[in-house]
Full PDB file with SEQRES, HELIX, SHEET, SSBOND, CRYST1, ORIGX, SCALE, CONECT and MASTER records, all heavy atoms in Angstrom:
SEQRES   1 A   43  ALA THR LEU ARG ALA ILE GLN GLY ALA ARG LEU ALA ARG          
SEQRES   2 A   43  GLU LEU GLY CYS THR VAL VAL GLY LEU GLY ALA PHE TRP          
SEQRES   3 A   43  SER VAL VAL GLY GLU LYS GLY ARG LEU VAL GLN GLU ALA          
SEQRES   4 A   43  VAL PRO GLU ILE                                              
HELIX    1 AA1 THR A    2  GLU A   14  1                                  13    
HELIX    2 AA2 ALA A   24  VAL A   28  5                                   5    
HELIX    3 AA3 VAL A   29  LYS A   32  1                                   4    
HELIX    4 AA4 ARG A   34  ALA A   39  1                                   6    
CRYST1    1.000    1.000    1.000  90.00  90.00  90.00 P 1           1          
ORIGX1      1.000000  0.000000  0.000000        0.00000                         
ORIGX2      0.000000  1.000000  0.000000        0.00000                         
ORIGX3      0.000000  0.000000  1.000000        0.00000                         
SCALE1      1.000000  0.000000  0.000000        0.00000                         
SCALE2      0.000000  1.000000  0.000000        0.00000                         
SCALE3      0.000000  0.000000  1.000000        0.00000                         
ATOM      1  N   ALA A   1     -15.925  14.496 -71.607  1.00  0.00           N  
ATOM      2  CA  ALA A   1     -15.917  15.454 -70.494  1.00  0.00           C  
ATOM      3  C   ALA A   1     -16.187  16.876 -70.988  1.00  0.00           C  
ATOM      4  O   ALA A   1     -16.955  17.616 -70.358  1.00  0.00           O  
ATOM      5  CB  ALA A   1     -14.580  15.398 -69.758  1.00  0.00           C  
ATOM      6  N   THR A   2     -15.584  17.240 -72.107  1.00  0.00           N  
ATOM      7  CA  THR A   2     -15.835  18.576 -72.665  1.00  0.00           C  
ATOM      8  C   THR A   2     -17.279  18.742 -73.077  1.00  0.00           C  
ATOM      9  O   THR A   2     -17.892  19.785 -72.834  1.00  0.00           O  
ATOM     10  CB  THR A   2     -14.907  18.825 -73.864  1.00  0.00           C  
ATOM     11  OG1 THR A   2     -13.543  18.703 -73.450  1.00  0.00           O  
ATOM     12  CG2 THR A   2     -15.129  20.213 -74.442  1.00  0.00           C  
ATOM     13  N   LEU A   3     -17.843  17.701 -73.688  1.00  0.00           N  
ATOM     14  CA  LEU A   3     -19.248  17.755 -74.089  1.00  0.00           C  
ATOM     15  C   LEU A   3     -20.144  17.941 -72.871  1.00  0.00           C  
ATOM     16  O   LEU A   3     -21.067  18.766 -72.893  1.00  0.00           O  
ATOM     17  CB  LEU A   3     -19.626  16.454 -74.824  1.00  0.00           C  
ATOM     18  CG  LEU A   3     -21.124  16.293 -75.163  1.00  0.00           C  
ATOM     19  CD1 LEU A   3     -21.587  17.391 -76.116  1.00  0.00           C  
ATOM     20  CD2 LEU A   3     -21.387  14.908 -75.757  1.00  0.00           C  
ATOM     21  N   ARG A   4     -19.882  17.197 -71.797  1.00  0.00           N  
ATOM     22  CA  ARG A   4     -20.706  17.328 -70.589  1.00  0.00           C  
ATOM     23  C   ARG A   4     -20.533  18.710 -69.947  1.00  0.00           C  
ATOM     24  O   ARG A   4     -21.496  19.268 -69.411  1.00  0.00           O  
ATOM     25  CB  ARG A   4     -20.339  16.224 -69.595  1.00  0.00           C  
ATOM     26  CG  ARG A   4     -20.721  14.815 -70.061  1.00  0.00           C  
ATOM     27  CD  ARG A   4     -22.231  14.644 -70.072  1.00  0.00           C  
ATOM     28  NE  ARG A   4     -22.607  13.313 -70.492  1.00  0.00           N  
ATOM     29  CZ  ARG A   4     -23.063  12.995 -71.702  1.00  0.00           C  
ATOM     30  NH1 ARG A   4     -23.223  13.945 -72.617  1.00  0.00           N  
ATOM     31  NH2 ARG A   4     -23.381  11.752 -71.987  1.00  0.00           N  
ATOM     32  N   ALA A   5     -19.342  19.251 -70.001  1.00  0.00           N  
ATOM     33  CA  ALA A   5     -19.136  20.590 -69.436  1.00  0.00           C  
ATOM     34  C   ALA A   5     -19.914  21.633 -70.241  1.00  0.00           C  
ATOM     35  O   ALA A   5     -20.494  22.558 -69.680  1.00  0.00           O  
ATOM     36  CB  ALA A   5     -17.646  20.929 -69.424  1.00  0.00           C  
ATOM     37  N   ILE A   6     -19.925  21.464 -71.559  1.00  0.00           N  
ATOM     38  CA  ILE A   6     -20.692  22.380 -72.422  1.00  0.00           C  
ATOM     39  C   ILE A   6     -22.185  22.256 -72.121  1.00  0.00           C  
ATOM     40  O   ILE A   6     -22.898  23.261 -71.987  1.00  0.00           O  
ATOM     41  CB  ILE A   6     -20.401  22.082 -73.908  1.00  0.00           C  
ATOM     42  CG1 ILE A   6     -18.970  22.492 -74.262  1.00  0.00           C  
ATOM     43  CG2 ILE A   6     -21.395  22.786 -74.828  1.00  0.00           C  
ATOM     44  CD1 ILE A   6     -18.510  22.045 -75.634  1.00  0.00           C  
ATOM     45  N   GLN A   7     -22.657  21.026 -71.985  1.00  0.00           N  
ATOM     46  CA  GLN A   7     -24.069  20.817 -71.648  1.00  0.00           C  
ATOM     47  C   GLN A   7     -24.389  21.400 -70.269  1.00  0.00           C  
ATOM     48  O   GLN A   7     -25.471  21.958 -70.064  1.00  0.00           O  
ATOM     49  CB  GLN A   7     -24.391  19.325 -71.688  1.00  0.00           C  
ATOM     50  CG  GLN A   7     -24.347  18.731 -73.091  1.00  0.00           C  
ATOM     51  CD  GLN A   7     -24.414  17.213 -73.072  1.00  0.00           C  
ATOM     52  OE1 GLN A   7     -24.100  16.566 -72.080  1.00  0.00           O  
ATOM     53  NE2 GLN A   7     -24.819  16.640 -74.197  1.00  0.00           N  
ATOM     54  N   GLY A   8     -23.449  21.293 -69.338  1.00  0.00           N  
ATOM     55  CA  GLY A   8     -23.650  21.874 -68.030  1.00  0.00           C  
ATOM     56  C   GLY A   8     -23.762  23.384 -68.088  1.00  0.00           C  
ATOM     57  O   GLY A   8     -24.577  24.000 -67.385  1.00  0.00           O  
ATOM     58  N   ALA A   9     -22.934  24.017 -68.921  1.00  0.00           N  
ATOM     59  CA  ALA A   9     -22.995  25.479 -69.070  1.00  0.00           C  
ATOM     60  C   ALA A   9     -24.328  25.896 -69.673  1.00  0.00           C  
ATOM     61  O   ALA A   9     -24.918  26.906 -69.262  1.00  0.00           O  
ATOM     62  CB  ALA A   9     -21.840  25.946 -69.952  1.00  0.00           C  
ATOM     63  N   ARG A  10     -24.827  25.121 -70.614  1.00  0.00           N  
ATOM     64  CA  ARG A  10     -26.138  25.430 -71.206  1.00  0.00           C  
ATOM     65  C   ARG A  10     -27.248  25.290 -70.168  1.00  0.00           C  
ATOM     66  O   ARG A  10     -28.174  26.105 -70.125  1.00  0.00           O  
ATOM     67  CB  ARG A  10     -26.395  24.512 -72.401  1.00  0.00           C  
ATOM     68  CG  ARG A  10     -25.536  24.864 -73.622  1.00  0.00           C  
ATOM     69  CD  ARG A  10     -25.736  23.893 -74.743  1.00  0.00           C  
ATOM     70  NE  ARG A  10     -24.933  24.250 -75.899  1.00  0.00           N  
ATOM     71  CZ  ARG A  10     -24.460  23.388 -76.796  1.00  0.00           C  
ATOM     72  NH1 ARG A  10     -24.725  22.092 -76.656  1.00  0.00           N  
ATOM     73  NH2 ARG A  10     -23.733  23.813 -77.817  1.00  0.00           N  
ATOM     74  N   LEU A  11     -27.154  24.245 -69.350  1.00  0.00           N  
ATOM     75  CA  LEU A  11     -28.152  24.072 -68.292  1.00  0.00           C  
ATOM     76  C   LEU A  11     -28.109  25.243 -67.321  1.00  0.00           C  
ATOM     77  O   LEU A  11     -29.150  25.749 -66.884  1.00  0.00           O  
ATOM     78  CB  LEU A  11     -27.899  22.749 -67.551  1.00  0.00           C  
ATOM     79  CG  LEU A  11     -28.778  22.482 -66.327  1.00  0.00           C  
ATOM     80  CD1 LEU A  11     -30.258  22.474 -66.695  1.00  0.00           C  
ATOM     81  CD2 LEU A  11     -28.385  21.159 -65.666  1.00  0.00           C  
ATOM     82  N   ALA A  12     -26.900  25.676 -66.978  1.00  0.00           N  
ATOM     83  CA  ALA A  12     -26.757  26.826 -66.069  1.00  0.00           C  
ATOM     84  C   ALA A  12     -27.436  28.065 -66.657  1.00  0.00           C  
ATOM     85  O   ALA A  12     -28.106  28.818 -65.944  1.00  0.00           O  
ATOM     86  CB  ALA A  12     -25.286  27.099 -65.797  1.00  0.00           C  
ATOM     87  N   ARG A  13     -27.267  28.257 -67.949  1.00  0.00           N  
ATOM     88  CA  ARG A  13     -27.922  29.411 -68.593  1.00  0.00           C  
ATOM     89  C   ARG A  13     -29.434  29.259 -68.528  1.00  0.00           C  
ATOM     90  O   ARG A  13     -30.153  30.232 -68.301  1.00  0.00           O  
ATOM     91  CB  ARG A  13     -27.451  29.514 -70.053  1.00  0.00           C  
ATOM     92  CG  ARG A  13     -28.103  30.668 -70.806  1.00  0.00           C  
ATOM     93  CD  ARG A  13     -27.634  32.000 -70.251  1.00  0.00           C  
ATOM     94  NE  ARG A  13     -28.373  33.108 -70.807  1.00  0.00           N  
ATOM     95  CZ  ARG A  13     -29.456  33.653 -70.249  1.00  0.00           C  
ATOM     96  NH1 ARG A  13     -29.900  33.175 -69.106  1.00  0.00           N  
ATOM     97  NH2 ARG A  13     -30.075  34.663 -70.806  1.00  0.00           N  
ATOM     98  N   GLU A  14     -29.918  28.053 -68.739  1.00  0.00           N  
ATOM     99  CA  GLU A  14     -31.355  27.815 -68.687  1.00  0.00           C  
ATOM    100  C   GLU A  14     -31.900  28.016 -67.280  1.00  0.00           C  
ATOM    101  O   GLU A  14     -33.076  28.356 -67.087  1.00  0.00           O  
ATOM    102  CB  GLU A  14     -31.677  26.401 -69.180  1.00  0.00           C  
ATOM    103  CG  GLU A  14     -31.398  26.214 -70.670  1.00  0.00           C  
ATOM    104  CD  GLU A  14     -31.586  24.777 -71.128  1.00  0.00           C  
ATOM    105  OE1 GLU A  14     -31.907  23.925 -70.274  1.00  0.00           O  
ATOM    106  OE2 GLU A  14     -31.405  24.497 -72.326  1.00  0.00           O  
ATOM    107  N   LEU A  15     -31.038  27.806 -66.281  1.00  0.00           N  
ATOM    108  CA  LEU A  15     -31.462  28.009 -64.893  1.00  0.00           C  
ATOM    109  C   LEU A  15     -31.521  29.491 -64.521  1.00  0.00           C  
ATOM    110  O   LEU A  15     -31.926  29.837 -63.418  1.00  0.00           O  
ATOM    111  CB  LEU A  15     -30.508  27.276 -63.940  1.00  0.00           C  
ATOM    112  CG  LEU A  15     -30.559  25.753 -63.972  1.00  0.00           C  
ATOM    113  CD1 LEU A  15     -29.415  25.167 -63.171  1.00  0.00           C  
ATOM    114  CD2 LEU A  15     -31.889  25.253 -63.435  1.00  0.00           C  
ATOM    115  N   GLY A  16     -31.117  30.349 -65.435  1.00  0.00           N  
ATOM    116  CA  GLY A  16     -31.153  31.776 -65.176  1.00  0.00           C  
ATOM    117  C   GLY A  16     -29.863  32.327 -64.605  1.00  0.00           C  
ATOM    118  O   GLY A  16     -29.834  33.453 -64.135  1.00  0.00           O  
ATOM    119  N   CYS A  17     -28.791  31.535 -64.617  1.00  0.00           N  
ATOM    120  CA  CYS A  17     -27.520  31.967 -64.039  1.00  0.00           C  
ATOM    121  C   CYS A  17     -26.758  32.897 -64.995  1.00  0.00           C  
ATOM    122  O   CYS A  17     -26.919  32.814 -66.209  1.00  0.00           O  
ATOM    123  CB  CYS A  17     -26.641  30.754 -63.719  1.00  0.00           C  
ATOM    124  SG  CYS A  17     -27.405  29.570 -62.593  1.00  0.00           S  
ATOM    125  N   THR A  18     -25.930  33.730 -64.406  1.00  0.00           N  
ATOM    126  CA  THR A  18     -25.078  34.611 -65.201  1.00  0.00           C  
ATOM    127  C   THR A  18     -23.660  34.052 -65.332  1.00  0.00           C  
ATOM    128  O   THR A  18     -22.953  34.392 -66.285  1.00  0.00           O  
ATOM    129  CB  THR A  18     -24.985  36.000 -64.559  1.00  0.00           C  
ATOM    130  OG1 THR A  18     -24.542  35.862 -63.196  1.00  0.00           O  
ATOM    131  CG2 THR A  18     -26.359  36.682 -64.570  1.00  0.00           C  
ATOM    132  N   VAL A  19     -23.263  33.198 -64.387  1.00  0.00           N  
ATOM    133  CA  VAL A  19     -21.904  32.631 -64.374  1.00  0.00           C  
ATOM    134  C   VAL A  19     -21.981  31.162 -64.018  1.00  0.00           C  
ATOM    135  O   VAL A  19     -22.785  30.766 -63.166  1.00  0.00           O  
ATOM    136  CB  VAL A  19     -21.003  33.356 -63.336  1.00  0.00           C  
ATOM    137  CG1 VAL A  19     -19.609  32.755 -63.321  1.00  0.00           C  
ATOM    138  CG2 VAL A  19     -20.940  34.845 -63.623  1.00  0.00           C  
ATOM    139  N   VAL A  20     -21.138  30.362 -64.659  1.00  0.00           N  
ATOM    140  CA  VAL A  20     -20.996  28.954 -64.262  1.00  0.00           C  
ATOM    141  C   VAL A  20     -19.514  28.688 -64.004  1.00  0.00           C  
ATOM    142  O   VAL A  20     -18.651  29.091 -64.791  1.00  0.00           O  
ATOM    143  CB  VAL A  20     -21.539  27.989 -65.335  1.00  0.00           C  
ATOM    144  CG1 VAL A  20     -20.839  28.157 -66.676  1.00  0.00           C  
ATOM    145  CG2 VAL A  20     -21.437  26.538 -64.865  1.00  0.00           C  
ATOM    146  N   GLY A  21     -19.227  28.043 -62.879  1.00  0.00           N  
ATOM    147  CA  GLY A  21     -17.859  27.694 -62.541  1.00  0.00           C  
ATOM    148  C   GLY A  21     -17.616  26.217 -62.788  1.00  0.00           C  
ATOM    149  O   GLY A  21     -18.516  25.388 -62.639  1.00  0.00           O  
ATOM    150  N   LEU A  22     -16.403  25.892 -63.173  1.00  0.00           N  
ATOM    151  CA  LEU A  22     -16.004  24.503 -63.430  1.00  0.00           C  
ATOM    152  C   LEU A  22     -15.146  24.045 -62.266  1.00  0.00           C  
ATOM    153  O   LEU A  22     -14.023  24.559 -62.079  1.00  0.00           O  
ATOM    154  CB  LEU A  22     -15.253  24.388 -64.755  1.00  0.00           C  
ATOM    155  CG  LEU A  22     -15.986  24.925 -65.992  1.00  0.00           C  
ATOM    156  CD1 LEU A  22     -15.098  24.820 -67.232  1.00  0.00           C  
ATOM    157  CD2 LEU A  22     -17.274  24.161 -66.206  1.00  0.00           C  
ATOM    158  N   GLY A  23     -15.651  23.105 -61.481  1.00  0.00           N  
ATOM    159  CA  GLY A  23     -14.959  22.680 -60.276  1.00  0.00           C  
ATOM    160  C   GLY A  23     -14.167  21.402 -60.455  1.00  0.00           C  
ATOM    161  O   GLY A  23     -14.468  20.588 -61.324  1.00  0.00           O  
ATOM    162  N   ALA A  24     -13.165  21.218 -59.600  1.00  0.00           N  
ATOM    163  CA  ALA A  24     -12.338  20.017 -59.569  1.00  0.00           C  
ATOM    164  C   ALA A  24     -11.827  19.668 -60.968  1.00  0.00           C  
ATOM    165  O   ALA A  24     -11.233  20.518 -61.643  1.00  0.00           O  
ATOM    166  CB  ALA A  24     -13.121  18.853 -58.951  1.00  0.00           C  
ATOM    167  N   PHE A  25     -12.101  18.456 -61.461  1.00  0.00           N  
ATOM    168  CA  PHE A  25     -11.540  18.069 -62.759  1.00  0.00           C  
ATOM    169  C   PHE A  25     -12.260  18.698 -63.943  1.00  0.00           C  
ATOM    170  O   PHE A  25     -11.752  18.688 -65.052  1.00  0.00           O  
ATOM    171  CB  PHE A  25     -11.523  16.540 -62.879  1.00  0.00           C  
ATOM    172  CG  PHE A  25     -10.412  15.915 -62.107  1.00  0.00           C  
ATOM    173  CD1 PHE A  25     -10.550  15.624 -60.771  1.00  0.00           C  
ATOM    174  CD2 PHE A  25      -9.199  15.647 -62.697  1.00  0.00           C  
ATOM    175  CE1 PHE A  25      -9.536  15.097 -60.032  1.00  0.00           C  
ATOM    176  CE2 PHE A  25      -8.156  15.100 -61.981  1.00  0.00           C  
ATOM    177  CZ  PHE A  25      -8.321  14.814 -60.638  1.00  0.00           C  
ATOM    178  N   TRP A  26     -13.446  19.251 -63.716  1.00  0.00           N  
ATOM    179  CA  TRP A  26     -14.096  20.002 -64.804  1.00  0.00           C  
ATOM    180  C   TRP A  26     -13.253  21.227 -65.169  1.00  0.00           C  
ATOM    181  O   TRP A  26     -13.316  21.702 -66.309  1.00  0.00           O  
ATOM    182  CB  TRP A  26     -15.487  20.479 -64.378  1.00  0.00           C  
ATOM    183  CG  TRP A  26     -16.489  19.403 -64.155  1.00  0.00           C  
ATOM    184  CD1 TRP A  26     -17.164  19.132 -62.996  1.00  0.00           C  
ATOM    185  CD2 TRP A  26     -16.962  18.440 -65.114  1.00  0.00           C  
ATOM    186  NE1 TRP A  26     -18.009  18.075 -63.172  1.00  0.00           N  
ATOM    187  CE2 TRP A  26     -17.902  17.614 -64.457  1.00  0.00           C  
ATOM    188  CE3 TRP A  26     -16.652  18.169 -66.456  1.00  0.00           C  
ATOM    189  CZ2 TRP A  26     -18.557  16.568 -65.094  1.00  0.00           C  
ATOM    190  CZ3 TRP A  26     -17.306  17.117 -67.085  1.00  0.00           C  
ATOM    191  CH2 TRP A  26     -18.232  16.334 -66.420  1.00  0.00           C  
ATOM    192  N   SER A  27     -12.469  21.744 -64.221  1.00  0.00           N  
ATOM    193  CA  SER A  27     -11.715  22.972 -64.468  1.00  0.00           C  
ATOM    194  C   SER A  27     -10.619  22.816 -65.507  1.00  0.00           C  
ATOM    195  O   SER A  27     -10.106  23.806 -66.027  1.00  0.00           O  
ATOM    196  CB  SER A  27     -11.107  23.480 -63.156  1.00  0.00           C  
ATOM    197  OG  SER A  27     -10.147  22.562 -62.667  1.00  0.00           O  
ATOM    198  N   VAL A  28     -10.251  21.581 -65.823  1.00  0.00           N  
ATOM    199  CA  VAL A  28      -9.169  21.375 -66.777  1.00  0.00           C  
ATOM    200  C   VAL A  28      -9.671  20.877 -68.134  1.00  0.00           C  
ATOM    201  O   VAL A  28      -8.869  20.728 -69.069  1.00  0.00           O  
ATOM    202  CB  VAL A  28      -8.114  20.386 -66.227  1.00  0.00           C  
ATOM    203  CG1 VAL A  28      -7.486  20.943 -64.962  1.00  0.00           C  
ATOM    204  CG2 VAL A  28      -8.713  19.011 -65.963  1.00  0.00           C  
ATOM    205  N   VAL A  29     -10.964  20.607 -68.276  1.00  0.00           N  
ATOM    206  CA  VAL A  29     -11.466  20.099 -69.560  1.00  0.00           C  
ATOM    207  C   VAL A  29     -11.659  21.256 -70.539  1.00  0.00           C  
ATOM    208  O   VAL A  29     -11.799  22.421 -70.140  1.00  0.00           O  
ATOM    209  CB  VAL A  29     -12.787  19.326 -69.393  1.00  0.00           C  
ATOM    210  CG1 VAL A  29     -12.650  18.241 -68.348  1.00  0.00           C  
ATOM    211  CG2 VAL A  29     -13.939  20.258 -69.024  1.00  0.00           C  
ATOM    212  N   GLY A  30     -11.649  20.915 -71.823  1.00  0.00           N  
ATOM    213  CA  GLY A  30     -11.906  21.926 -72.852  1.00  0.00           C  
ATOM    214  C   GLY A  30     -10.931  23.080 -72.797  1.00  0.00           C  
ATOM    215  O   GLY A  30     -11.323  24.239 -72.850  1.00  0.00           O  
ATOM    216  N   GLU A  31      -9.629  22.731 -72.700  1.00  0.00           N  
ATOM    217  CA  GLU A  31      -8.573  23.747 -72.578  1.00  0.00           C  
ATOM    218  C   GLU A  31      -8.853  24.673 -71.393  1.00  0.00           C  
ATOM    219  O   GLU A  31      -8.836  25.879 -71.483  1.00  0.00           O  
ATOM    220  CB  GLU A  31      -8.444  24.557 -73.869  1.00  0.00           C  
ATOM    221  CG  GLU A  31      -8.029  23.726 -75.063  1.00  0.00           C  
ATOM    222  CD  GLU A  31      -7.909  24.544 -76.342  1.00  0.00           C  
ATOM    223  OE1 GLU A  31      -8.014  25.791 -76.266  1.00  0.00           O  
ATOM    224  OE2 GLU A  31      -7.716  23.963 -77.413  1.00  0.00           O  
ATOM    225  N   LYS A  32      -9.128  24.028 -70.243  1.00  0.00           N  
ATOM    226  CA  LYS A  32      -9.407  24.722 -68.995  1.00  0.00           C  
ATOM    227  C   LYS A  32     -10.553  25.737 -69.136  1.00  0.00           C  
ATOM    228  O   LYS A  32     -10.484  26.866 -68.629  1.00  0.00           O  
ATOM    229  CB  LYS A  32      -8.140  25.410 -68.475  1.00  0.00           C  
ATOM    230  CG  LYS A  32      -7.045  24.415 -68.102  1.00  0.00           C  
ATOM    231  CD  LYS A  32      -5.898  25.071 -67.373  1.00  0.00           C  
ATOM    232  CE  LYS A  32      -4.910  24.001 -66.906  1.00  0.00           C  
ATOM    233  NZ  LYS A  32      -3.762  24.576 -66.158  1.00  0.00           N  
ATOM    234  N   GLY A  33     -11.612  25.279 -69.801  1.00  0.00           N  
ATOM    235  CA  GLY A  33     -12.833  26.062 -69.908  1.00  0.00           C  
ATOM    236  C   GLY A  33     -12.951  26.914 -71.153  1.00  0.00           C  
ATOM    237  O   GLY A  33     -14.044  27.399 -71.470  1.00  0.00           O  
ATOM    238  N   ARG A  34     -11.874  27.081 -71.907  1.00  0.00           N  
ATOM    239  CA  ARG A  34     -11.923  27.966 -73.064  1.00  0.00           C  
ATOM    240  C   ARG A  34     -12.898  27.459 -74.129  1.00  0.00           C  
ATOM    241  O   ARG A  34     -13.696  28.235 -74.689  1.00  0.00           O  
ATOM    242  CB  ARG A  34     -10.519  28.112 -73.668  1.00  0.00           C  
ATOM    243  CG  ARG A  34     -10.423  29.277 -74.649  1.00  0.00           C  
ATOM    244  CD  ARG A  34      -9.044  29.343 -75.273  1.00  0.00           C  
ATOM    245  NE  ARG A  34      -7.995  29.457 -74.265  1.00  0.00           N  
ATOM    246  CZ  ARG A  34      -7.661  30.610 -73.688  1.00  0.00           C  
ATOM    247  NH1 ARG A  34      -8.300  31.724 -74.002  1.00  0.00           N  
ATOM    248  NH2 ARG A  34      -6.703  30.645 -72.801  1.00  0.00           N  
ATOM    249  N   LEU A  35     -12.877  26.167 -74.408  1.00  0.00           N  
ATOM    250  CA  LEU A  35     -13.773  25.607 -75.412  1.00  0.00           C  
ATOM    251  C   LEU A  35     -15.221  25.642 -74.932  1.00  0.00           C  
ATOM    252  O   LEU A  35     -16.150  25.790 -75.732  1.00  0.00           O  
ATOM    253  CB  LEU A  35     -13.372  24.168 -75.742  1.00  0.00           C  
ATOM    254  CG  LEU A  35     -11.989  23.974 -76.370  1.00  0.00           C  
ATOM    255  CD1 LEU A  35     -11.731  22.503 -76.667  1.00  0.00           C  
ATOM    256  CD2 LEU A  35     -11.842  24.807 -77.634  1.00  0.00           C  
ATOM    257  N   VAL A  36     -15.420  25.511 -73.645  1.00  0.00           N  
ATOM    258  CA  VAL A  36     -16.780  25.585 -73.080  1.00  0.00           C  
ATOM    259  C   VAL A  36     -17.344  26.995 -73.289  1.00  0.00           C  
ATOM    260  O   VAL A  36     -18.491  27.157 -73.686  1.00  0.00           O  
ATOM    261  CB  VAL A  36     -16.769  25.215 -71.578  1.00  0.00           C  
ATOM    262  CG1 VAL A  36     -18.172  25.269 -71.003  1.00  0.00           C  
ATOM    263  CG2 VAL A  36     -16.165  23.822 -71.370  1.00  0.00           C  
ATOM    264  N   GLN A  37     -16.513  27.999 -73.012  1.00  0.00           N  
ATOM    265  CA  GLN A  37     -16.966  29.385 -73.196  1.00  0.00           C  
ATOM    266  C   GLN A  37     -17.278  29.680 -74.655  1.00  0.00           C  
ATOM    267  O   GLN A  37     -18.282  30.343 -74.970  1.00  0.00           O  
ATOM    268  CB  GLN A  37     -15.901  30.350 -72.690  1.00  0.00           C  
ATOM    269  CG  GLN A  37     -16.279  31.814 -72.812  1.00  0.00           C  
ATOM    270  CD  GLN A  37     -17.429  32.197 -71.903  1.00  0.00           C  
ATOM    271  OE1 GLN A  37     -17.216  32.565 -70.762  1.00  0.00           O  
ATOM    272  NE2 GLN A  37     -18.654  32.127 -72.388  1.00  0.00           N  
ATOM    273  N   GLU A  38     -16.469  29.164 -75.575  1.00  0.00           N  
ATOM    274  CA  GLU A  38     -16.720  29.397 -76.995  1.00  0.00           C  
ATOM    275  C   GLU A  38     -18.010  28.719 -77.449  1.00  0.00           C  
ATOM    276  O   GLU A  38     -18.733  29.260 -78.303  1.00  0.00           O  
ATOM    277  CB  GLU A  38     -15.538  28.858 -77.814  1.00  0.00           C  
ATOM    278  CG  GLU A  38     -14.250  29.663 -77.624  1.00  0.00           C  
ATOM    279  CD  GLU A  38     -13.073  29.035 -78.355  1.00  0.00           C  
ATOM    280  OE1 GLU A  38     -13.251  27.948 -78.965  1.00  0.00           O  
ATOM    281  OE2 GLU A  38     -11.968  29.615 -78.306  1.00  0.00           O  
ATOM    282  N   ALA A  39     -18.328  27.562 -76.853  1.00  0.00           N  
ATOM    283  CA  ALA A  39     -19.536  26.839 -77.257  1.00  0.00           C  
ATOM    284  C   ALA A  39     -20.805  27.449 -76.658  1.00  0.00           C  
ATOM    285  O   ALA A  39     -21.886  27.320 -77.227  1.00  0.00           O  
ATOM    286  CB  ALA A  39     -19.425  25.368 -76.839  1.00  0.00           C  
ATOM    287  N   VAL A  40     -20.665  28.116 -75.505  1.00  0.00           N  
ATOM    288  CA  VAL A  40     -21.834  28.696 -74.832  1.00  0.00           C  
ATOM    289  C   VAL A  40     -21.520  30.161 -74.478  1.00  0.00           C  
ATOM    290  O   VAL A  40     -21.301  30.501 -73.306  1.00  0.00           O  
ATOM    291  CB  VAL A  40     -22.205  27.904 -73.560  1.00  0.00           C  
ATOM    292  CG1 VAL A  40     -23.606  28.286 -73.083  1.00  0.00           C  
ATOM    293  CG2 VAL A  40     -22.123  26.408 -73.783  1.00  0.00           C  
ATOM    294  N   PRO A  41     -21.515  31.039 -75.473  1.00  0.00           N  
ATOM    295  CA  PRO A  41     -21.155  32.432 -75.198  1.00  0.00           C  
ATOM    296  C   PRO A  41     -22.225  33.191 -74.419  1.00  0.00           C  
ATOM    297  O   PRO A  41     -21.971  34.294 -73.941  1.00  0.00           O  
ATOM    298  CB  PRO A  41     -20.990  33.024 -76.609  1.00  0.00           C  
ATOM    299  CG  PRO A  41     -21.840  32.161 -77.496  1.00  0.00           C  
ATOM    300  CD  PRO A  41     -21.769  30.783 -76.895  1.00  0.00           C  
ATOM    301  N   GLU A  42     -23.431  32.595 -74.251  1.00  0.00           N  
ATOM    302  CA  GLU A  42     -24.529  33.283 -73.552  1.00  0.00           C  
ATOM    303  C   GLU A  42     -24.320  33.348 -72.039  1.00  0.00           C  
ATOM    304  O   GLU A  42     -25.058  34.038 -71.344  1.00  0.00           O  
ATOM    305  CB  GLU A  42     -25.856  32.582 -73.817  1.00  0.00           C  
ATOM    306  CG  GLU A  42     -26.229  32.489 -75.289  1.00  0.00           C  
ATOM    307  CD  GLU A  42     -25.602  31.279 -75.974  1.00  0.00           C  
ATOM    308  OE1 GLU A  42     -24.993  30.453 -75.276  1.00  0.00           O  
ATOM    309  OE2 GLU A  42     -25.714  31.170 -77.208  1.00  0.00           O  
ATOM    310  N   ILE A  43     -23.328  32.643 -71.506  1.00  0.00           N  
ATOM    311  CA  ILE A  43     -23.077  32.638 -70.068  1.00  0.00           C  
ATOM    312  C   ILE A  43     -21.583  32.742 -69.846  1.00  0.00           C  
ATOM    313  O   ILE A  43     -20.779  32.306 -70.699  1.00  0.00           O  
ATOM    314  CB  ILE A  43     -23.638  31.361 -69.402  1.00  0.00           C  
ATOM    315  CG1 ILE A  43     -23.591  31.466 -67.881  1.00  0.00           C  
ATOM    316  CG2 ILE A  43     -22.920  30.108 -69.879  1.00  0.00           C  
ATOM    317  CD1 ILE A  43     -24.336  30.346 -67.170  1.00  0.00           C  
TER     318      ILE A  43                                                      
MASTER        0    0    0    4    0    0    0    6  317    1    0    4          
END                                                                             
């Protein structure tokens, strides 16, 4: 789940987004988004 959330954040950055939100159960993965942010600091 954390890997997919990280990949989702990278896709969001590629889509030209400035912010990506983690909804429903994504919101609790990767220490509630902290690990996702560390893996994808560009967004």
